[in-house]
Amino acid sequence: MTRVAVLGAGAWGTAISCVLAARLEVALWARDAAQASALASTRRNERYLPAFELPSSVTVTSELGAATRGAKLVLAATPVAGLRELFEHVGSATPVVWLCKGFEEGTGALPHQIAAATLGERGRVGALSGPSFAEEVARGLPCALTLASRDAGFAREAAALLHGGRMRVYYSSDLVGVEIGGALKNVMAIAAGISDGMGLGLNARAALITRGLAEMARLGGALGGAPETFMGLAGAGDLILTATGDLSRNRRVGLELARGRSVKDIVATLGHVAEGVHSAREAAKLAAAHGVDMPVTAAVSAVLEGRLTPGAAVEQLLARELKMER
C-alpha cells in the first residue's frame, strides 16, 4: 500500500489522515511527544478534533524520520509559521504538498517561497487548497480541492494519489494563484465576520465577498496568477465557504472584533490558528509594494492593528469615491 506522511496533528492534519487511511498507509506526525502518545492511545485528538476517532491503521509518531521514511508524498499540515522549520528538517528528497494558507509573518513569503528557500528550486512541491472545513472532511462529507504545482506532471500525479472516496481533487499549474486565493480568503472572512457582527445585513456581506474576490484577483494577477484560478475552488469556492460558514475561525475573529474584543484576547481564546490575523498586514504591504488597490484588505489590517475601529473601517469603505467596477 502506498505510504503518505501527514506532518502536523492539528484539525486539518487529523481530518485528512482519517480520510486517506481508507486507501493509503498513513503516518501522522505530532511535534509534541505527549500529544503523539495521547493520540496513539486514545485515537482522539481532544484539542483540535475531539468528536472523531482516528482509524486504527493510522500510525502516530513524534519522530519525524519515522513518519517520512518510505513515504511517497509528504503532506505538511502545520500553520504557515511552522513551515520553514519543518522544511529544514524534511529535506529535499521526498515530494511535499502543504495544506496551510497564508503569508509568513514578517517576511510576507508565500509557502512556495519558503519551500524554495529551504528545499531549493525543485518542481515536486505544491499546495492543496480549496473549500474544506476539517470537521466536515473528517465526517466523510463530500469536498472538492485543487492541488497546484509549477510542475504540471507532479500536480496531476499527486492529485491522483489523494483523489478518491468523497474527496475530489483537481490539479493545476497555477501555484501562485492558488496560494494567493487561499491566503486572502482568510482576510476577507474577517471582513465578512465584522460586517455580520455589526448587523450590516446580507447585502453588505455579499458586496464584501464580491469586492474581496476582486482584490484577490488583482493581487494574484500582479504576481502572475491566472484569472480563472480565482473563479475556481481555491478562489471563489474557498472565499464563499470561509466568509459565510459558522465553522470558519477567521470569520469568528471578525465577529468578535465587531463585539469590541481585542485581537489578543480573541486569538488567546480561539484554540486554533486563524491565518488571516497575520496575513492581513502582509497582504496590505504586498499590495502597496505592487501598486495594487486593496481597500478591504487595508481596512481589515488597520482594524487588527488597532488603527481603526470596526465602525470607522466600515465608514471609510463606504466613503470611497465613485468609480467604475473592475
Protein backbone atom coordinates (compact mmCIF):
# COMPACT_ATOMS: atom_id res chain seq x y z
CA MET A 1 0.00 0.00 0.00
CA THR A 2 1.27 3.49 -0.85
CA ARG A 3 2.52 5.40 2.19
CA VAL A 4 1.97 9.11 2.88
CA ALA A 5 3.16 11.17 5.82
CA VAL A 6 0.97 13.87 7.34
CA LEU A 7 3.10 16.31 9.29
CA GLY A 8 1.05 18.23 11.83
CA ALA A 9 -1.65 16.86 14.11
CA GLY A 10 -3.98 19.84 14.17
CA ALA A 11 -7.58 19.69 12.96
CA TRP A 12 -6.78 19.54 9.23
CA GLY A 13 -3.91 17.08 9.59
CA THR A 14 -6.09 14.79 11.69
CA ALA A 15 -9.05 15.11 9.31
CA ILE A 16 -7.11 14.29 6.16
CA SER A 17 -5.44 11.35 7.93
CA CYS A 18 -8.89 9.96 8.71
CA VAL A 19 -9.97 10.23 5.06
CA LEU A 20 -6.79 8.93 3.44
CA ALA A 21 -6.48 5.96 5.79
CA ALA A 22 -9.27 4.21 3.88
CA ARG A 23 -6.96 3.64 0.90
CA LEU A 24 -3.43 4.65 1.85
CA GLU A 25 -0.92 3.84 4.57
CA VAL A 26 -0.83 6.99 6.72
CA ALA A 27 1.77 8.13 9.25
CA LEU A 28 0.66 11.14 11.32
CA TRP A 29 3.40 13.19 12.94
CA ALA A 30 2.78 15.33 16.03
CA ARG A 31 5.52 17.71 17.09
CA ASP A 32 4.74 17.22 20.78
CA ALA A 33 5.62 13.76 22.12
CA ALA A 34 2.88 13.88 24.76
CA GLN A 35 0.26 14.70 22.12
CA ALA A 36 1.51 11.87 19.92
CA SER A 37 1.31 9.44 22.81
CA ALA A 38 -2.23 10.52 23.70
CA LEU A 39 -3.34 10.29 20.06
CA ALA A 40 -1.85 6.84 19.71
CA SER A 41 -3.57 5.52 22.84
CA THR A 42 -6.97 7.25 22.77
CA ARG A 43 -7.24 7.60 18.96
CA ARG A 44 -8.83 11.00 19.51
CA ASN A 45 -7.43 14.49 19.00
CA GLU A 46 -9.01 16.01 22.09
CA ARG A 47 -7.66 19.51 21.47
CA TYR A 48 -8.36 20.04 17.78
CA LEU A 49 -10.92 17.47 16.58
CA PRO A 50 -12.36 15.67 19.63
CA ALA A 51 -15.51 14.27 18.03
CA PHE A 52 -13.70 11.92 15.65
CA GLU A 53 -11.82 8.69 16.16
CA LEU A 54 -8.55 8.24 14.32
CA PRO A 55 -8.59 4.98 12.32
CA SER A 56 -6.53 2.23 13.90
CA SER A 57 -4.50 1.91 10.71
CA VAL A 58 -3.01 5.42 11.12
CA THR A 59 0.43 5.30 12.72
CA VAL A 60 1.10 8.19 15.12
CA THR A 61 4.60 9.31 15.98
CA SER A 62 6.59 12.31 17.21
CA GLU A 63 9.68 11.11 15.32
CA LEU A 64 9.86 13.00 12.03
CA GLY A 65 12.18 10.48 10.40
CA ALA A 66 9.89 7.60 11.28
CA ALA A 67 6.91 9.43 9.79
CA THR A 68 8.56 10.29 6.47
CA ARG A 69 10.51 7.07 5.96
CA GLY A 70 9.22 5.32 2.84
CA ALA A 71 6.56 7.95 2.17
CA LYS A 72 5.72 8.61 -1.47
CA LEU A 73 4.30 12.01 -0.51
CA VAL A 74 4.63 14.31 2.50
CA LEU A 75 1.64 16.48 3.43
CA ALA A 76 2.70 19.46 5.53
CA ALA A 77 -0.29 20.30 7.75
CA THR A 78 1.33 22.84 10.06
CA PRO A 79 0.42 26.55 10.11
CA VAL A 80 2.44 28.78 7.76
CA ALA A 81 4.51 29.90 10.76
CA GLY A 82 5.82 26.35 11.19
CA LEU A 83 6.67 25.61 7.55
CA ARG A 84 10.21 26.97 7.41
CA GLU A 85 11.46 24.92 10.35
CA LEU A 86 9.58 21.85 9.14
CA PHE A 87 11.02 22.03 5.62
CA GLU A 88 14.53 22.39 7.01
CA HIS A 89 14.13 19.03 8.73
CA VAL A 90 12.27 17.21 5.97
CA GLY A 91 14.96 17.63 3.33
CA SER A 92 14.59 17.74 -0.42
CA ALA A 93 14.28 14.06 -1.35
CA THR A 94 10.55 13.46 -0.78
CA PRO A 95 7.80 15.30 -2.70
CA VAL A 96 5.98 17.77 -0.43
CA VAL A 97 2.48 19.28 -0.59
CA TRP A 98 1.43 21.87 2.00
CA LEU A 99 -2.11 22.33 3.29
CA CYS A 100 -1.72 25.71 5.01
CA LYS A 101 -2.82 29.03 3.53
CA GLY A 102 -1.34 32.43 4.21
CA PHE A 103 1.74 34.65 4.24
CA GLU A 104 4.68 34.18 6.58
CA GLU A 105 4.61 36.88 9.24
CA GLY A 106 7.49 39.31 8.90
CA THR A 107 8.77 38.16 5.50
CA GLY A 108 5.42 38.16 3.66
CA ALA A 109 6.54 34.97 1.91
CA LEU A 110 4.06 32.55 0.40
CA PRO A 111 4.58 28.85 1.15
CA HIS A 112 6.20 28.14 -2.23
CA GLN A 113 8.78 30.85 -1.50
CA ILE A 114 9.51 29.29 1.89
CA ALA A 115 9.90 25.94 0.14
CA ALA A 116 12.31 27.42 -2.41
CA ALA A 117 14.43 28.95 0.35
CA THR A 118 14.63 25.75 2.40
CA LEU A 119 14.25 22.89 -0.08
CA GLY A 120 15.75 24.52 -3.15
CA GLU A 121 14.20 25.27 -6.51
CA ARG A 122 12.68 21.92 -7.39
CA GLY A 123 9.46 21.02 -9.04
CA ARG A 124 7.98 18.28 -6.88
CA VAL A 125 6.30 20.56 -4.36
CA GLY A 126 2.83 22.01 -4.31
CA ALA A 127 -0.22 23.26 -2.44
CA LEU A 128 -3.54 21.60 -1.66
CA SER A 129 -6.29 24.20 -1.29
CA GLY A 130 -10.00 24.78 -1.63
CA PRO A 131 -13.18 24.92 0.46
CA SER A 132 -12.63 22.38 3.22
CA PHE A 133 -13.62 22.65 6.86
CA ALA A 134 -11.71 19.95 8.73
CA GLU A 135 -14.76 18.80 10.68
CA GLU A 136 -16.77 18.08 7.52
CA VAL A 137 -13.82 16.34 5.85
CA ALA A 138 -13.40 14.11 8.92
CA ARG A 139 -17.12 13.25 8.78
CA GLY A 140 -16.65 11.96 5.25
CA LEU A 141 -18.82 14.64 3.67
CA PRO A 142 -18.08 15.47 0.01
CA CYS A 143 -15.49 18.12 -0.78
CA ALA A 144 -13.51 19.27 -3.80
CA LEU A 145 -9.96 20.60 -3.66
CA THR A 146 -7.24 21.83 -6.01
CA LEU A 147 -3.66 20.59 -5.95
CA ALA A 148 -1.31 23.06 -7.59
CA SER A 149 2.34 22.83 -8.57
CA ARG A 150 4.52 24.59 -11.10
CA ASP A 151 5.39 21.07 -12.24
CA ALA A 152 2.15 20.14 -14.02
CA GLY A 153 3.11 16.47 -14.13
CA PHE A 154 3.65 16.35 -10.38
CA ALA A 155 0.38 18.21 -9.76
CA ARG A 156 -1.51 15.57 -11.70
CA GLU A 157 0.38 12.69 -10.05
CA ALA A 158 -0.12 13.98 -6.50
CA ALA A 159 -3.79 14.80 -7.16
CA ALA A 160 -4.35 11.26 -8.44
CA LEU A 161 -2.80 9.85 -5.27
CA LEU A 162 -5.06 11.87 -2.95
CA HIS A 163 -8.22 11.79 -5.07
CA GLY A 164 -10.83 9.25 -4.07
CA GLY A 165 -13.87 8.46 -1.98
CA ARG A 166 -15.75 11.66 -1.22
CA MET A 167 -12.69 13.87 -1.67
CA ARG A 168 -12.41 15.05 -5.26
CA VAL A 169 -9.04 16.56 -6.16
CA TYR A 170 -8.43 18.65 -9.26
CA TYR A 171 -4.96 19.70 -10.41
CA SER A 172 -3.48 22.99 -11.57
CA SER A 173 -0.14 24.50 -12.56
CA ASP A 174 -1.07 27.93 -11.14
CA LEU A 175 0.66 27.62 -7.79
CA VAL A 176 0.83 31.38 -7.15
CA GLY A 177 -2.86 31.91 -7.91
CA VAL A 178 -3.94 29.04 -5.68
CA GLU A 179 -1.79 30.30 -2.80
CA ILE A 180 -2.99 33.91 -3.15
CA GLY A 181 -6.60 32.73 -3.13
CA GLY A 182 -6.03 30.65 -0.02
CA ALA A 183 -4.23 33.45 1.82
CA LEU A 184 -6.60 36.30 1.03
CA LYS A 185 -9.87 34.44 1.60
CA ASN A 186 -8.94 34.39 5.30
CA VAL A 187 -8.60 38.17 5.33
CA MET A 188 -11.94 38.58 3.57
CA ALA A 189 -13.58 36.19 6.04
CA ILE A 190 -12.52 38.50 8.87
CA ALA A 191 -14.13 41.39 6.97
CA ALA A 192 -17.34 39.40 6.49
CA GLY A 193 -17.37 38.49 10.17
CA ILE A 194 -17.04 42.16 11.14
CA SER A 195 -19.92 43.03 8.79
CA ASP A 196 -22.17 40.31 10.21
CA GLY A 197 -21.15 41.10 13.77
CA MET A 198 -22.20 44.73 13.25
CA GLY A 199 -25.52 43.62 11.81
CA LEU A 200 -24.94 45.21 8.41
CA GLY A 201 -27.03 42.59 6.62
CA LEU A 202 -26.77 40.04 3.84
CA ASN A 203 -26.47 42.67 1.11
CA ALA A 204 -23.35 44.08 2.74
CA ARG A 205 -21.83 40.63 3.19
CA ALA A 206 -22.42 39.75 -0.46
CA ALA A 207 -20.82 43.03 -1.51
CA LEU A 208 -17.79 42.41 0.69
CA ILE A 209 -17.31 38.90 -0.68
CA THR A 210 -17.57 40.16 -4.26
CA ARG A 211 -15.19 43.07 -3.78
CA GLY A 212 -12.89 40.80 -1.80
CA LEU A 213 -12.76 38.42 -4.73
CA ALA A 214 -11.84 41.36 -6.98
CA GLU A 215 -8.95 42.20 -4.65
CA MET A 216 -7.75 38.60 -4.68
CA ALA A 217 -7.76 38.57 -8.47
CA ARG A 218 -5.95 41.92 -8.72
CA LEU A 219 -3.11 40.94 -6.41
CA GLY A 220 -2.94 37.43 -7.84
CA GLY A 221 -2.73 38.81 -11.35
CA ALA A 222 0.03 41.21 -10.37
CA LEU A 223 2.03 38.25 -9.02
CA GLY A 224 1.44 36.07 -12.08
CA GLY A 225 -1.68 34.14 -11.11
CA ALA A 226 -4.22 33.12 -13.76
CA PRO A 227 -7.63 34.89 -13.70
CA GLU A 228 -9.57 31.61 -13.91
CA THR A 229 -7.97 30.37 -10.70
CA PHE A 230 -9.83 32.99 -8.69
CA MET A 231 -13.16 31.82 -10.11
CA GLY A 232 -12.39 28.26 -9.02
CA LEU A 233 -12.20 26.21 -5.83
CA ALA A 234 -9.10 27.87 -4.40
CA GLY A 235 -10.54 31.34 -5.08
CA ALA A 236 -14.28 31.92 -5.03
CA GLY A 237 -15.04 28.50 -3.56
CA ASP A 238 -12.83 28.86 -0.50
CA LEU A 239 -13.79 32.51 -0.08
CA ILE A 240 -17.53 31.80 -0.02
CA LEU A 241 -17.09 28.98 2.49
CA THR A 242 -14.78 30.85 4.85
CA ALA A 243 -16.72 34.12 4.74
CA THR A 244 -20.12 32.53 5.42
CA GLY A 245 -19.57 29.24 7.26
CA ASP A 246 -20.03 29.06 11.01
CA LEU A 247 -17.02 26.72 11.31
CA SER A 248 -14.70 29.44 9.98
CA ARG A 249 -12.09 30.58 12.50
CA ASN A 250 -11.31 33.76 10.57
CA ARG A 251 -14.98 34.71 10.32
CA ARG A 252 -15.20 34.17 14.08
CA VAL A 253 -12.34 36.63 14.58
CA GLY A 254 -14.32 39.25 12.65
CA LEU A 255 -17.48 38.58 14.65
CA GLU A 256 -15.58 39.05 17.92
CA LEU A 257 -13.86 42.21 16.70
CA ALA A 258 -17.29 43.68 15.94
CA ARG A 259 -18.28 42.96 19.54
CA GLY A 260 -15.39 45.06 20.80
CA ARG A 261 -12.97 42.33 21.88
CA SER A 262 -9.24 42.83 21.36
CA VAL A 263 -7.28 40.80 18.83
CA LYS A 264 -5.02 39.50 21.60
CA ASP A 265 -7.97 38.24 23.61
CA ILE A 266 -9.67 36.68 20.59
CA VAL A 267 -6.55 34.80 19.48
CA ALA A 268 -5.85 33.62 23.03
CA THR A 269 -9.27 32.01 23.36
CA LEU A 270 -9.72 30.75 19.80
CA GLY A 271 -7.85 27.48 20.33
CA HIS A 272 -6.81 27.28 16.67
CA VAL A 273 -4.69 29.35 14.31
CA ALA A 274 -6.58 31.99 12.30
CA GLU A 275 -4.15 32.69 9.46
CA GLY A 276 -5.95 35.86 8.37
CA VAL A 277 -4.80 37.69 11.52
CA HIS A 278 -1.18 37.61 10.32
CA SER A 279 -1.91 37.58 6.59
CA ALA A 280 -3.83 40.87 6.52
CA ARG A 281 -0.80 43.03 7.30
CA GLU A 282 1.46 41.12 4.91
CA ALA A 283 -1.14 41.28 2.13
CA ALA A 284 -1.55 45.04 2.61
CA LYS A 285 2.22 45.52 2.44
CA LEU A 286 2.45 43.36 -0.67
CA ALA A 287 -0.38 45.29 -2.33
CA ALA A 288 1.35 48.61 -1.63
CA ALA A 289 4.64 47.30 -3.00
CA HIS A 290 2.96 46.26 -6.26
CA GLY A 291 0.65 49.26 -6.54
CA VAL A 292 -2.50 47.15 -6.21
CA ASP A 293 -5.66 48.78 -4.82
CA MET A 294 -6.98 46.59 -1.97
CA PRO A 295 -9.22 48.73 0.28
CA VAL A 296 -10.92 45.84 2.09
CA THR A 297 -7.58 44.25 2.92
CA ALA A 298 -6.20 47.59 4.11
CA ALA A 299 -9.26 48.16 6.31
CA VAL A 300 -9.01 44.72 7.93
CA SER A 301 -5.30 45.25 8.55
CA ALA A 302 -5.99 48.63 10.17
CA VAL A 303 -8.64 47.11 12.48
CA LEU A 304 -6.36 44.23 13.50
CA GLU A 305 -3.54 46.67 14.25
CA GLY A 306 -5.83 48.94 16.29
CA ARG A 307 -5.56 51.88 13.89
CA LEU A 308 -9.28 51.82 13.10
CA THR A 309 -12.35 50.61 14.94
CA PRO A 310 -14.61 48.24 13.00
CA GLY A 311 -17.20 51.02 12.70
CA ALA A 312 -14.66 53.52 11.38
CA ALA A 313 -13.37 50.95 8.88
CA VAL A 314 -16.88 50.44 7.52
CA GLU A 315 -17.44 54.19 7.18
CA GLN A 316 -14.10 54.56 5.43
CA LEU A 317 -15.02 51.92 2.86
CA LEU A 318 -18.45 53.44 2.28
CA ALA A 319 -16.95 56.90 1.80
CA ARG A 320 -14.71 55.87 -1.08
CA GLU A 321 -15.17 57.89 -4.26
CA LEU A 322 -17.36 56.83 -7.16
CA LYS A 323 -15.56 54.57 -9.64
CA MET A 324 -16.11 52.00 -12.37
CA GLU A 325 -16.49 48.41 -11.20
CA ARG A 326 -13.48 46.29 -12.05
